Amino acid sequence: MPVTATAENLITDLHTLRSEIELDKYQRYFKFDTTQEAKADYFVGVKMGQVFKLARDYLTMPLSEIRKGLETHTRDMPVKT
């Protein structure tokens, strides 16, 4: 469980679980450039089971932090929040 349930910590944890294999799987169905993370929606490349498991650790995140998470361009993030 995170020390503090913040959007920043959640994104950090999400990137820790990143997998190139999962990212390649997403590229089969969604067209995106993995080098252009900031401008457009992108996937980090995390298995959905890991996404939901991590989401449980952040159930106490305040609404203000959830809003910050939803404003990110990471496609995996809204699923978690």
C-alpha atoms as a PDB file:
ATOM      1  CA  MET A   1       0.000   0.000   0.000  1.00  0.00           C
ATOM      2  CA  PRO A   2       1.317   3.457  -0.846  1.00  0.00           C
ATOM      3  CA  VAL A   3       2.572   5.811   1.823  1.00  0.00           C
ATOM      4  CA  THR A   4       0.220   8.511   0.538  1.00  0.00           C
ATOM      5  CA  ALA A   5      -2.623   7.857  -1.907  1.00  0.00           C
ATOM      6  CA  THR A   6      -1.902  10.547  -4.483  1.00  0.00           C
ATOM      7  CA  ALA A   7      -2.238  10.623  -8.254  1.00  0.00           C
ATOM      8  CA  GLU A   8       1.513  11.122  -8.565  1.00  0.00           C
ATOM      9  CA  ASN A   9       2.261   8.006  -6.487  1.00  0.00           C
ATOM     10  CA  LEU A  10      -0.298   6.023  -8.454  1.00  0.00           C
ATOM     11  CA  ILE A  11       1.279   6.997 -11.774  1.00  0.00           C
ATOM     12  CA  THR A  12       4.717   6.117 -10.413  1.00  0.00           C
ATOM     13  CA  ASP A  13       3.460   2.702  -9.285  1.00  0.00           C
ATOM     14  CA  LEU A  14       1.776   2.192 -12.648  1.00  0.00           C
ATOM     15  CA  HIS A  15       5.029   2.877 -14.495  1.00  0.00           C
ATOM     16  CA  THR A  16       6.833   0.463 -12.176  1.00  0.00           C
ATOM     17  CA  LEU A  17       4.575  -2.341 -13.476  1.00  0.00           C
ATOM     18  CA  ARG A  18       5.210  -1.416 -17.129  1.00  0.00           C
ATOM     19  CA  SER A  19       5.955  -4.215 -19.573  1.00  0.00           C
ATOM     20  CA  GLU A  20       7.113  -3.912 -23.188  1.00  0.00           C
ATOM     21  CA  ILE A  21       5.263  -7.155 -23.957  1.00  0.00           C
ATOM     22  CA  GLU A  22       1.964  -5.698 -22.725  1.00  0.00           C
ATOM     23  CA  LEU A  23       2.617  -2.465 -24.590  1.00  0.00           C
ATOM     24  CA  ASP A  24       3.083  -4.447 -27.812  1.00  0.00           C
ATOM     25  CA  LYS A  25      -0.251  -6.175 -27.181  1.00  0.00           C
ATOM     26  CA  TYR A  26      -2.009  -2.803 -26.893  1.00  0.00           C
ATOM     27  CA  GLN A  27      -0.419  -1.678 -30.163  1.00  0.00           C
ATOM     28  CA  ARG A  28      -2.256  -4.460 -31.992  1.00  0.00           C
ATOM     29  CA  TYR A  29      -5.588  -2.795 -31.273  1.00  0.00           C
ATOM     30  CA  PHE A  30      -4.741   0.868 -30.731  1.00  0.00           C
ATOM     31  CA  LYS A  31      -2.495   2.981 -32.915  1.00  0.00           C
ATOM     32  CA  PHE A  32      -0.195   5.237 -30.921  1.00  0.00           C
ATOM     33  CA  ASP A  33       3.424   6.304 -30.895  1.00  0.00           C
ATOM     34  CA  THR A  34       5.183   5.100 -27.754  1.00  0.00           C
ATOM     35  CA  THR A  35       7.651   7.983 -28.003  1.00  0.00           C
ATOM     36  CA  GLN A  36       4.923  10.670 -27.891  1.00  0.00           C
ATOM     37  CA  GLU A  37       3.553  10.281 -24.374  1.00  0.00           C
ATOM     38  CA  ALA A  38       2.875  13.904 -23.487  1.00  0.00           C
ATOM     39  CA  LYS A  39       0.797  15.119 -26.434  1.00  0.00           C
ATOM     40  CA  ALA A  40      -1.700  12.304 -26.966  1.00  0.00           C
ATOM     41  CA  ASP A  41      -3.348   9.485 -25.098  1.00  0.00           C
ATOM     42  CA  TYR A  42      -0.989   6.608 -24.547  1.00  0.00           C
ATOM     43  CA  PHE A  43      -0.787   3.280 -22.774  1.00  0.00           C
ATOM     44  CA  VAL A  44       1.836   2.488 -20.202  1.00  0.00           C
ATOM     45  CA  GLY A  45       1.704  -1.254 -20.863  1.00  0.00           C
ATOM     46  CA  VAL A  46       0.379  -2.873 -17.689  1.00  0.00           C
ATOM     47  CA  LYS A  47      -1.690  -6.061 -17.461  1.00  0.00           C
ATOM     48  CA  MET A  48      -5.293  -5.308 -16.544  1.00  0.00           C
ATOM     49  CA  GLY A  49      -5.128  -7.649 -13.550  1.00  0.00           C
ATOM     50  CA  GLN A  50      -2.228  -5.627 -12.167  1.00  0.00           C
ATOM     51  CA  VAL A  51      -4.108  -2.389 -12.869  1.00  0.00           C
ATOM     52  CA  PHE A  52      -7.102  -3.515 -10.806  1.00  0.00           C
ATOM     53  CA  LYS A  53      -4.923  -4.901  -8.020  1.00  0.00           C
ATOM     54  CA  LEU A  54      -3.066  -1.593  -7.779  1.00  0.00           C
ATOM     55  CA  ALA A  55      -6.372   0.302  -7.851  1.00  0.00           C
ATOM     56  CA  ARG A  56      -7.423  -1.472  -4.646  1.00  0.00           C
ATOM     57  CA  ASP A  57      -4.369  -0.001  -2.915  1.00  0.00           C
ATOM     58  CA  TYR A  58      -5.592   3.481  -3.792  1.00  0.00           C
ATOM     59  CA  LEU A  59      -9.231   3.221  -2.721  1.00  0.00           C
ATOM     60  CA  THR A  60      -8.696   5.929  -0.101  1.00  0.00           C
ATOM     61  CA  MET A  61      -7.405   8.484  -2.598  1.00  0.00           C
ATOM     62  CA  PRO A  62      -9.136  11.865  -2.149  1.00  0.00           C
ATOM     63  CA  LEU A  63     -11.418  13.106  -4.951  1.00  0.00           C
ATOM     64  CA  SER A  64      -9.049  15.965  -5.735  1.00  0.00           C
ATOM     65  CA  GLU A  65      -6.315  13.426  -6.489  1.00  0.00           C
ATOM     66  CA  ILE A  66      -8.689  11.285  -8.546  1.00  0.00           C
ATOM     67  CA  ARG A  67      -9.419  14.350 -10.690  1.00  0.00           C
ATOM     68  CA  LYS A  68      -5.694  14.854 -11.257  1.00  0.00           C
ATOM     69  CA  GLY A  69      -5.378  11.223 -12.303  1.00  0.00           C
ATOM     70  CA  LEU A  70      -8.229  11.496 -14.770  1.00  0.00           C
ATOM     71  CA  GLU A  71      -6.593  14.533 -16.354  1.00  0.00           C
ATOM     72  CA  THR A  72      -3.484  12.568 -17.320  1.00  0.00           C
ATOM     73  CA  HIS A  73      -3.099  11.277 -20.852  1.00  0.00           C
ATOM     74  CA  THR A  74      -2.321   7.770 -19.648  1.00  0.00           C
ATOM     75  CA  ARG A  75      -5.013   5.386 -20.883  1.00  0.00           C
ATOM     76  CA  ASP A  76      -4.352   2.948 -18.043  1.00  0.00           C
ATOM     77  CA  MET A  77      -4.939   5.648 -15.425  1.00  0.00           C
ATOM     78  CA  PRO A  78      -8.709   6.311 -15.803  1.00  0.00           C
ATOM     79  CA  VAL A  79      -9.368   2.596 -15.409  1.00  0.00           C
ATOM     80  CA  LYS A  80      -7.730   2.761 -12.024  1.00  0.00           C
ATOM     81  CA  THR A  81      -9.462   5.880 -10.791  1.00  0.00           C
END
